[in-house]
Amino acid sequence: MKILILGAGVTGSSVAEALASEENDIVVVDFRTELLDALKERFDIATVAGNAAHPRVLEQAGARTADMIIAVTDRDETNMLACVIINALYSQPKTIARVRAVDYLKNPRLFGPNGIPVDIVISPEQIVMEAIRNLVEFPGVLHISDFADGLVRLFSVKVVDDGILTGKKIKVLSDRLTGDKIRIVAIFRQGKPLVVNGEAVIETGDEVFLVAPREQVREVLKALNKLEAPLKRIIIAGGGHVGKRLALALEADHQVKVIEKDPRRAHKIANDLERTVVLLGDCTDEALLLDESIGDTDLFCAITENDGVNIVSASLAKNLGVRKAFCLLNHISYSKLLPGTGIDVAVLPNQETLGSILKHVRRGDVAQVSSLCGGTAEAIEAIAHQGSDLNSVVGRRVDAVSFPEGIVMGALIRDKQVISIHCNTVFEEGDHVVMFVMDKKLIVNVEKKFQTL
């Protein structure tokens, strides 16, 4: 697939990294030559220097023969204008545009049939906000994401000393977890995936991924001693796009405070938020955190645009007695600094956003993708179809479908109902299958078996 990525910033770079390793023909466009040079040194891609919304630059980059255009520059207007120009000049490419400003997103007619011609609009801030809100809802997990329109959830937990998971085989745990629709789909030990079978033994420090019907998640967490008390008192460090959206989503049911350093931004969001207390100040100021009773706070969520500030403030809050500390990191390499800080969860915006893009890139009928473990693994929801290809799963029993060892089925949804997966279960047309793929190199095996007609 020939893909043009407009924008070589943090998001564009992460998309290029994810797609360049999958036999795609990638061209990245940006006016910042230093970013393009850095990408060319790391990956086998082509680059074009220039304004991503100029027709000449798009033509030079090969938009005429591209299969997909992913517009993720730092400016909404550039992304939208590029899609308008591409739609006017070319008929083939599918367009994906990142749009951040709420003013553009809140009017559904803007991107409707008679509006701006963008095939798929993504809002990273909204995606990240929803990821954090899920973590607030289930404070005992490290990650949680929805599949099949929310019917099932994939979540991970950290194994602690003397915990119920420690030293147990998967087959023993399967007997303790009520219901045969709950499945352990992955175990990561020191960042490396283990083979998942009944004999696999879970150890302290492992990250264990499970899939369960939405209504059973709390029950599973309770069985694993991971169902923690609700997070009610919350301090959000950073009143940017994500911070404001998160406060809006939480303020009705939580006691929320936002710390914002910029006076103009603080004043603006204070007018937009009804029940949230907006504080003007520095989130790394120990005196301010103590004044706001950080020791009695349930959650400190550091989501400024500066990774260093997020790490320092979240670590400080944890040291001062906050119950939970979340930290947003735009650069995944910074996550190596977190051990010893006490920070409970690192939220990676680029990884969260990547899944919303990859589901449109994947071959086959893919409904949802969640990029996991720093982009090395994926959870995929694919739809089964009867086709001429012998690889199709429709009409075949589960035990007759040969997936490689690193692909584990987590859930099967039929007619909007989660059904049990057994060796003699037969796939039917339209089944939604949620799978955990431990290595991206194995994704081609999923794509082949879930091709459309």
Protein backbone atom coordinates (compact mmCIF):
# COMPACT_ATOMS: atom_id res chain seq x y z
CA MET A 1 0.00 0.00 0.00
CA LYS A 2 1.29 3.46 -0.91
CA ILE A 3 0.69 5.84 1.99
CA LEU A 4 1.44 9.57 2.26
CA ILE A 5 1.89 10.90 5.78
CA LEU A 6 1.53 14.67 6.00
CA GLY A 7 3.44 15.87 9.06
CA ALA A 8 6.65 14.53 10.59
CA GLY A 9 5.90 15.53 14.18
CA VAL A 10 5.44 13.11 17.04
CA THR A 11 2.23 11.60 15.66
CA GLY A 12 3.43 11.45 12.05
CA SER A 13 6.70 9.86 13.12
CA SER A 14 4.94 7.19 15.19
CA VAL A 15 2.62 6.36 12.27
CA ALA A 16 5.59 6.17 9.91
CA GLU A 17 7.42 3.85 12.30
CA ALA A 18 4.40 1.57 12.62
CA LEU A 19 3.73 1.33 8.89
CA ALA A 20 7.28 1.31 7.50
CA SER A 21 7.93 -2.13 8.97
CA GLU A 22 4.92 -3.66 7.20
CA GLU A 23 5.99 -3.60 3.55
CA ASN A 24 4.20 -0.34 2.83
CA ASP A 25 5.50 2.34 0.46
CA ILE A 26 5.71 5.35 2.80
CA VAL A 27 6.29 9.01 1.87
CA VAL A 28 6.41 11.65 4.63
CA VAL A 29 5.85 15.35 3.86
CA ASP A 30 6.93 18.21 6.13
CA PHE A 31 8.63 21.58 5.79
CA ARG A 32 11.03 20.77 8.64
CA THR A 33 13.92 19.07 6.90
CA GLU A 34 15.62 18.13 10.17
CA LEU A 35 12.65 15.94 11.12
CA LEU A 36 12.58 14.33 7.69
CA ASP A 37 16.31 13.60 7.82
CA ALA A 38 15.90 11.95 11.23
CA LEU A 39 13.12 9.73 9.89
CA LYS A 40 15.12 8.70 6.82
CA GLU A 41 18.01 7.66 9.01
CA ARG A 42 15.75 5.33 11.04
CA PHE A 43 13.39 3.92 8.43
CA ASP A 44 13.27 2.88 4.79
CA ILE A 45 10.93 5.65 3.66
CA ALA A 46 10.87 8.55 1.19
CA THR A 47 10.44 12.18 2.20
CA VAL A 48 9.42 15.42 0.52
CA ALA A 49 10.19 18.83 2.04
CA GLY A 50 7.48 21.46 1.68
CA ASN A 51 4.04 22.66 2.71
CA ALA A 52 1.75 19.64 2.99
CA ALA A 53 -1.23 21.62 1.64
CA HIS A 54 0.46 22.83 -1.57
CA PRO A 55 -0.68 21.03 -4.75
CA ARG A 56 2.86 20.98 -6.17
CA VAL A 57 4.22 19.34 -3.01
CA LEU A 58 1.42 16.75 -2.94
CA GLU A 59 2.03 15.92 -6.59
CA GLN A 60 5.77 15.58 -5.95
CA ALA A 61 5.04 13.25 -3.03
CA GLY A 62 2.98 10.98 -5.28
CA ALA A 63 -0.57 11.79 -4.16
CA ARG A 64 -1.83 10.87 -7.64
CA THR A 65 -0.96 7.18 -7.15
CA ALA A 66 -1.37 6.99 -3.35
CA ASP A 67 -3.83 4.60 -1.73
CA MET A 68 -4.14 6.60 1.47
CA ILE A 69 -3.29 10.08 2.76
CA ILE A 70 -2.85 10.53 6.52
CA ALA A 71 -2.83 14.25 7.37
CA VAL A 72 -1.42 14.70 10.87
CA THR A 73 0.41 18.04 10.74
CA ASP A 74 0.30 20.31 13.78
CA ARG A 75 -2.36 22.53 12.18
CA ASP A 76 -5.99 21.46 11.72
CA GLU A 77 -6.37 23.90 8.84
CA THR A 78 -3.45 22.41 6.92
CA ASN A 79 -4.83 18.89 7.39
CA MET A 80 -8.30 19.85 6.17
CA LEU A 81 -7.05 21.94 3.24
CA ALA A 82 -4.80 19.10 2.10
CA CYS A 83 -7.82 16.79 2.02
CA VAL A 84 -9.85 19.36 0.07
CA ILE A 85 -7.08 19.68 -2.55
CA ILE A 86 -6.58 15.92 -2.79
CA ASN A 87 -10.32 15.39 -3.26
CA ALA A 88 -10.39 18.04 -6.02
CA LEU A 89 -7.36 16.73 -7.92
CA TYR A 90 -7.39 12.99 -7.35
CA SER A 91 -10.06 10.32 -7.02
CA GLN A 92 -8.18 7.35 -5.60
CA PRO A 93 -6.73 8.11 -2.13
CA LYS A 94 -8.64 7.56 1.11
CA THR A 95 -8.05 10.52 3.43
CA ILE A 96 -7.57 10.57 7.19
CA ALA A 97 -7.21 13.94 8.93
CA ARG A 98 -6.32 14.82 12.49
CA VAL A 99 -8.58 17.58 13.80
CA ARG A 100 -7.94 18.83 17.31
CA ALA A 101 -10.10 21.92 17.85
CA VAL A 102 -13.48 21.23 19.45
CA ASP A 103 -15.05 24.05 17.38
CA TYR A 104 -14.50 22.00 14.22
CA LEU A 105 -15.65 18.72 15.72
CA LYS A 106 -18.85 19.78 17.45
CA ASN A 107 -20.68 20.53 14.18
CA PRO A 108 -21.51 17.20 12.46
CA ARG A 109 -22.42 18.94 9.20
CA LEU A 110 -18.87 20.24 8.76
CA PHE A 111 -17.59 16.81 7.70
CA GLY A 112 -20.89 15.53 6.33
CA PRO A 113 -21.69 14.60 2.70
CA ASN A 114 -21.75 18.25 1.66
CA GLY A 115 -18.98 19.40 3.97
CA ILE A 116 -15.19 19.17 4.01
CA PRO A 117 -14.22 16.02 2.03
CA VAL A 118 -12.41 13.96 4.66
CA ASP A 119 -13.08 10.21 4.77
CA ILE A 120 -12.03 9.72 8.39
CA VAL A 121 -11.60 12.39 11.06
CA ILE A 122 -9.58 11.51 14.14
CA SER A 123 -9.26 13.54 17.31
CA PRO A 124 -6.22 12.46 19.35
CA GLU A 125 -7.30 14.57 22.31
CA GLN A 126 -10.68 12.86 22.44
CA ILE A 127 -9.09 9.42 22.10
CA VAL A 128 -6.59 10.12 24.89
CA MET A 129 -9.29 11.59 27.12
CA GLU A 130 -11.42 8.47 26.73
CA ALA A 131 -8.43 6.26 27.52
CA ILE A 132 -7.77 8.17 30.75
CA ARG A 133 -11.48 8.16 31.66
CA ASN A 134 -11.48 4.36 31.35
CA LEU A 135 -8.48 4.18 33.68
CA VAL A 136 -10.33 6.39 36.17
CA GLU A 137 -13.30 4.02 36.01
CA PHE A 138 -11.07 1.00 36.70
CA PRO A 139 -8.12 2.24 38.80
CA GLY A 140 -6.66 -1.24 39.27
CA VAL A 141 -5.72 -1.70 35.61
CA LEU A 142 -2.77 -0.53 33.50
CA HIS A 143 -4.68 -0.43 30.21
CA ILE A 144 -8.28 -0.87 29.11
CA SER A 145 -9.91 -0.62 25.69
CA ASP A 146 -13.30 -1.41 24.19
CA PHE A 147 -14.16 -3.71 21.30
CA ALA A 148 -17.36 -4.66 19.48
CA ASP A 149 -19.03 -1.34 20.28
CA GLY A 150 -18.24 -1.77 23.97
CA LEU A 151 -19.57 -5.33 24.36
CA VAL A 152 -16.13 -6.63 25.39
CA ARG A 153 -13.13 -5.06 27.04
CA LEU A 154 -9.43 -5.84 26.91
CA PHE A 155 -7.54 -4.87 30.07
CA SER A 156 -4.22 -5.55 31.73
CA VAL A 157 -3.09 -5.80 35.34
CA LYS A 158 0.30 -5.87 37.05
CA VAL A 159 1.13 -8.97 39.07
CA VAL A 160 2.33 -8.14 42.60
CA ASP A 161 4.06 -10.16 45.30
CA ASP A 162 1.71 -12.60 47.05
CA GLY A 163 -1.11 -11.65 44.69
CA ILE A 164 -3.75 -14.12 43.57
CA LEU A 165 -2.04 -14.41 40.16
CA THR A 166 1.49 -14.98 41.46
CA GLY A 167 2.87 -18.43 40.71
CA LYS A 168 -0.38 -19.69 39.18
CA LYS A 169 -0.81 -21.58 35.91
CA ILE A 170 -3.31 -20.15 33.45
CA LYS A 171 -5.44 -23.31 33.57
CA VAL A 172 -5.78 -22.92 37.35
CA LEU A 173 -6.82 -19.28 37.01
CA SER A 174 -9.30 -20.17 34.28
CA ASP A 175 -11.10 -22.41 36.76
CA ARG A 176 -11.29 -19.58 39.30
CA LEU A 177 -12.60 -16.97 36.87
CA THR A 178 -16.35 -17.36 36.60
CA GLY A 179 -17.68 -17.78 33.09
CA ASP A 180 -16.10 -19.24 29.98
CA LYS A 181 -16.19 -15.89 28.16
CA ILE A 182 -13.25 -14.58 30.20
CA ARG A 183 -9.89 -15.33 28.67
CA ILE A 184 -6.24 -14.57 29.46
CA VAL A 185 -4.79 -13.57 26.09
CA ALA A 186 -1.25 -12.37 26.83
CA ILE A 187 1.50 -12.31 29.43
CA PHE A 188 4.39 -9.87 29.13
CA ARG A 189 7.47 -10.38 31.30
CA GLN A 190 10.00 -7.54 31.29
CA GLY A 191 8.43 -6.32 28.07
CA LYS A 192 8.71 -9.69 26.30
CA PRO A 193 5.63 -11.82 25.41
CA LEU A 194 5.31 -15.36 26.73
CA VAL A 195 3.59 -18.29 25.06
CA VAL A 196 0.01 -18.39 26.36
CA ASN A 197 -1.30 -21.85 27.17
CA GLY A 198 -2.72 -23.67 30.17
CA GLU A 199 0.72 -24.51 31.52
CA ALA A 200 2.11 -20.94 31.46
CA VAL A 201 3.02 -19.75 34.96
CA ILE A 202 2.46 -16.12 35.95
CA GLU A 203 5.16 -14.41 38.02
CA THR A 204 5.53 -11.21 40.03
CA GLY A 205 6.01 -8.18 37.77
CA ASP A 206 4.23 -9.70 34.78
CA GLU A 207 1.65 -7.68 32.88
CA VAL A 208 -1.34 -9.92 32.18
CA PHE A 209 -3.94 -9.07 29.52
CA LEU A 210 -7.49 -10.39 29.80
CA VAL A 211 -10.63 -10.10 27.67
CA ALA A 212 -14.08 -10.16 29.25
CA PRO A 213 -17.65 -9.05 28.49
CA ARG A 214 -18.11 -5.47 29.60
CA GLU A 215 -20.52 -6.34 32.42
CA GLN A 216 -18.07 -8.87 33.89
CA VAL A 217 -14.95 -6.69 34.10
CA ARG A 218 -15.61 -5.59 37.68
CA GLU A 219 -16.33 -9.19 38.67
CA VAL A 220 -13.00 -10.33 37.18
CA LEU A 221 -11.07 -7.53 38.86
CA LYS A 222 -12.69 -8.42 42.18
CA ALA A 223 -11.65 -12.07 41.74
CA LEU A 224 -8.09 -10.89 41.04
CA ASN A 225 -8.08 -8.49 44.02
CA LYS A 226 -7.67 -5.62 41.57
CA LEU A 227 -11.03 -3.91 42.14
CA GLU A 228 -9.92 -0.73 43.91
CA ALA A 229 -11.98 1.96 45.58
CA PRO A 230 -13.35 4.63 43.20
CA LEU A 231 -11.26 7.70 42.41
CA LYS A 232 -13.37 10.65 43.54
CA ARG A 233 -10.99 13.54 44.31
CA ILE A 234 -8.95 14.32 41.19
CA ILE A 235 -6.32 16.94 40.34
CA ILE A 236 -5.53 17.41 36.64
CA ALA A 237 -2.18 19.02 35.90
CA GLY A 238 -2.54 20.84 32.58
CA GLY A 239 -5.54 22.65 31.19
CA GLY A 240 -4.84 22.03 27.51
CA HIS A 241 -7.15 20.27 25.08
CA VAL A 242 -6.92 16.91 26.88
CA GLY A 243 -7.11 18.42 30.35
CA LYS A 244 -10.21 20.45 29.56
CA ARG A 245 -11.96 17.50 27.88
CA LEU A 246 -11.14 15.23 30.82
CA ALA A 247 -12.45 17.76 33.33
CA LEU A 248 -15.67 18.12 31.33
CA ALA A 249 -16.09 14.34 31.27
CA LEU A 250 -15.45 13.88 35.00
CA GLU A 251 -16.79 16.97 36.76
CA ALA A 252 -20.38 15.74 37.07
CA ASP A 253 -19.43 12.72 39.20
CA HIS A 254 -16.04 13.68 40.65
CA GLN A 255 -14.45 16.50 42.61
CA VAL A 256 -12.10 17.93 39.98
CA LYS A 257 -9.40 20.57 40.14
CA VAL A 258 -7.25 21.71 37.20
CA ILE A 259 -3.84 23.35 37.61
CA GLU A 260 -2.93 25.57 34.65
CA LYS A 261 0.17 27.76 34.39
CA ASP A 262 -0.98 30.07 31.57
CA PRO A 263 -3.28 32.84 32.92
CA ARG A 264 -5.18 33.23 29.65
CA ARG A 265 -5.77 29.52 29.28
CA ALA A 266 -6.78 29.21 32.93
CA HIS A 267 -9.33 32.01 32.52
CA LYS A 268 -10.74 30.48 29.33
CA ILE A 269 -11.28 26.97 30.69
CA ALA A 270 -12.66 28.35 33.97
CA ASN A 271 -15.48 29.88 31.92
CA ASP A 272 -16.11 26.59 30.09
CA LEU A 273 -16.12 24.32 33.15
CA GLU A 274 -19.09 24.44 35.50
CA ARG A 275 -18.09 22.38 38.54
CA THR A 276 -14.31 22.22 38.17
CA VAL A 277 -12.02 24.42 40.26
CA VAL A 278 -9.32 25.95 38.06
CA LEU A 279 -6.09 26.89 39.83
CA LEU A 280 -3.50 29.23 38.34
CA GLY A 281 -0.08 27.87 39.19
CA ASP A 282 2.79 25.47 38.56
CA CYS A 283 1.96 21.78 38.98
CA THR A 284 5.54 21.09 40.11
CA ASP A 285 5.15 23.56 43.02
CA GLU A 286 5.23 21.48 46.21
CA ALA A 287 3.62 24.24 48.27
CA LEU A 288 0.68 24.44 45.86
CA LEU A 289 0.12 20.70 45.96
CA LEU A 290 0.22 20.70 49.74
CA ASP A 291 -2.22 23.63 49.87
CA GLU A 292 -4.61 21.61 47.72
CA SER A 293 -4.42 18.62 50.11
CA ILE A 294 -2.60 16.33 47.71
CA GLY A 295 -2.28 13.72 50.45
CA ASP A 296 -6.08 13.37 50.55
CA THR A 297 -6.43 13.27 46.77
CA ASP A 298 -7.30 10.02 44.96
CA LEU A 299 -5.71 10.80 41.61
CA PHE A 300 -3.12 13.22 40.25
CA CYS A 301 -3.22 13.19 36.45
CA ALA A 302 -0.25 14.95 34.82
CA ILE A 303 -1.22 15.71 31.21
CA THR A 304 0.62 18.89 30.27
CA GLU A 305 2.35 19.13 26.87
CA ASN A 306 5.77 18.71 28.52
CA ASP A 307 6.82 15.13 29.32
CA GLY A 308 9.44 16.29 31.82
CA VAL A 309 6.91 18.36 33.75
CA ASN A 310 4.52 15.40 33.74
CA ILE A 311 7.12 13.02 35.16
CA VAL A 312 8.32 15.47 37.82
CA SER A 313 4.87 16.59 38.96
CA ALA A 314 3.38 13.07 39.05
CA SER A 315 6.39 11.73 40.94
CA LEU A 316 6.19 14.65 43.39
CA ALA A 317 2.47 14.12 43.93
CA LYS A 318 3.05 10.44 44.62
CA ASN A 319 5.81 11.31 47.07
CA LEU A 320 3.44 13.70 48.83
CA GLY A 321 0.85 11.00 49.37
CA VAL A 322 -1.57 10.98 46.43
CA ARG A 323 -3.21 7.58 46.05
CA LYS A 324 -2.76 7.23 42.27
CA ALA A 325 -0.61 9.11 39.76
CA PHE A 326 -1.06 9.03 35.98
CA CYS A 327 1.49 10.52 33.63
CA LEU A 328 1.10 11.41 29.95
CA LEU A 329 4.20 10.75 27.81
CA ASN A 330 4.51 11.78 24.16
CA HIS A 331 7.92 10.13 23.90
CA ILE A 332 7.77 6.44 24.76
CA SER A 333 11.50 6.36 25.55
CA TYR A 334 10.79 8.47 28.64
CA SER A 335 8.84 5.57 30.13
CA LYS A 336 12.21 4.06 31.01
CA LEU A 337 12.56 6.84 33.59
CA LEU A 338 9.42 5.84 35.49
CA PRO A 339 10.62 2.87 37.60
CA GLY A 340 11.23 4.13 41.11
CA THR A 341 9.10 7.27 40.69
CA GLY A 342 5.96 5.66 42.12
CA ILE A 343 3.94 6.69 39.05
CA ASP A 344 1.18 4.12 38.56
CA VAL A 345 0.29 4.42 34.88
CA ALA A 346 1.90 6.02 31.84
CA VAL A 347 -0.55 7.12 29.13
CA LEU A 348 1.00 7.16 25.63
CA PRO A 349 -1.06 9.42 23.31
CA ASN A 350 0.64 8.28 20.12
CA GLN A 351 -0.03 4.64 20.91
CA GLU A 352 -3.69 5.40 21.67
CA THR A 353 -4.07 7.40 18.45
CA LEU A 354 -2.22 4.85 16.34
CA GLY A 355 -4.92 2.22 16.76
CA SER A 356 -7.57 4.55 15.31
CA ILE A 357 -5.41 4.94 12.19
CA LEU A 358 -4.27 1.33 11.84
CA LYS A 359 -7.81 -0.02 11.67
CA HIS A 360 -8.17 1.82 8.35
CA VAL A 361 -4.80 0.60 7.08
CA ARG A 362 -5.17 -3.08 7.90
CA ARG A 363 -6.10 -5.33 5.01
CA GLY A 364 -9.23 -7.38 5.56
CA ASP A 365 -12.39 -6.28 7.35
CA VAL A 366 -11.02 -4.78 10.57
CA ALA A 367 -13.39 -2.94 12.90
CA GLN A 368 -11.04 -1.96 15.72
CA VAL A 369 -7.34 -1.93 16.55
CA SER A 370 -5.58 -1.21 19.82
CA SER A 371 -1.82 -0.66 19.66
CA LEU A 372 -0.18 -2.10 22.77
CA CYS A 373 3.15 -2.58 24.51
CA GLY A 374 4.87 0.33 22.82
CA GLY A 375 3.51 -0.62 19.42
CA THR A 376 5.03 -4.11 19.38
CA ALA A 377 1.69 -5.85 19.85
CA GLU A 378 -1.90 -5.26 18.76
CA ALA A 379 -5.40 -6.29 19.68
CA ILE A 380 -7.55 -6.58 16.55
CA GLU A 381 -11.28 -6.96 16.05
CA ALA A 382 -11.88 -8.52 12.62
CA ILE A 383 -15.09 -9.51 10.88
CA ALA A 384 -15.42 -12.96 9.31
CA HIS A 385 -16.60 -13.26 5.69
CA GLN A 386 -17.18 -16.17 3.35
CA GLY A 387 -14.92 -15.71 0.35
CA SER A 388 -13.26 -17.55 -2.46
CA ASP A 389 -9.99 -17.56 -0.53
CA LEU A 390 -9.35 -20.88 1.21
CA ASN A 391 -8.03 -18.94 4.18
CA SER A 392 -11.53 -17.75 5.18
CA VAL A 393 -12.56 -18.88 8.67
CA VAL A 394 -16.30 -18.98 7.90
CA GLY A 395 -17.73 -22.50 8.22
CA ARG A 396 -14.66 -23.81 9.99
CA ARG A 397 -14.23 -24.95 13.58
CA VAL A 398 -11.93 -23.02 15.87
CA ASP A 399 -9.55 -25.96 16.17
CA ALA A 400 -9.36 -26.21 12.36
CA VAL A 401 -8.11 -22.64 11.94
CA SER A 402 -4.33 -22.59 12.13
CA PHE A 403 -3.21 -19.36 13.77
CA PRO A 404 0.50 -19.02 14.63
CA GLU A 405 1.47 -19.38 18.27
CA GLY A 406 1.54 -15.63 18.89
CA ILE A 407 -2.13 -15.04 18.01
CA VAL A 408 -4.69 -15.69 20.76
CA MET A 409 -8.46 -15.41 20.36
CA GLY A 410 -10.07 -13.37 23.10
CA ALA A 411 -13.75 -13.01 22.21
CA LEU A 412 -16.34 -13.98 19.62
CA ILE A 413 -19.33 -11.70 19.07
CA ARG A 414 -22.32 -12.90 17.03
CA ASP A 415 -25.49 -10.86 16.49
CA LYS A 416 -24.30 -8.42 19.16
CA GLN A 417 -23.95 -11.20 21.72
CA VAL A 418 -20.69 -12.44 23.24
CA ILE A 419 -20.56 -16.22 22.84
CA SER A 420 -18.22 -18.78 24.35
CA ILE A 421 -15.21 -19.97 22.35
CA HIS A 422 -14.63 -23.73 22.32
CA CYS A 423 -12.59 -25.97 20.05
CA ASN A 424 -15.76 -27.06 18.23
CA THR A 425 -17.18 -23.52 17.82
CA VAL A 426 -17.85 -22.85 14.12
CA PHE A 427 -17.24 -19.37 12.67
CA GLU A 428 -20.19 -17.81 10.88
CA GLU A 429 -20.56 -14.98 8.38
CA GLY A 430 -20.39 -11.61 10.15
CA ASP A 431 -18.80 -12.88 13.37
CA HIS A 432 -16.63 -10.31 15.12
CA VAL A 433 -13.45 -11.91 16.46
CA VAL A 434 -11.19 -10.12 18.95
CA MET A 435 -7.60 -11.38 18.85
CA PHE A 436 -4.37 -10.49 20.64
CA VAL A 437 -1.38 -10.43 18.27
CA MET A 438 1.85 -10.55 20.27
CA ASP A 439 4.13 -9.61 17.38
CA LYS A 440 3.19 -7.25 14.53
CA LYS A 441 4.87 -9.60 12.05
CA LEU A 442 1.97 -12.00 12.62
CA ILE A 443 -0.73 -9.51 11.60
CA VAL A 444 -0.61 -10.68 7.98
CA ASN A 445 -2.03 -14.01 9.21
CA VAL A 446 -5.09 -12.22 10.57
CA GLU A 447 -5.48 -10.12 7.44
CA LYS A 448 -5.49 -13.18 5.15
CA LYS A 449 -8.19 -14.96 7.12
CA PHE A 450 -10.52 -11.97 7.35
CA GLN A 451 -10.41 -10.64 3.80
CA THR A 452 -13.56 -9.13 2.36
CA LEU A 453 -15.17 -10.42 -0.83
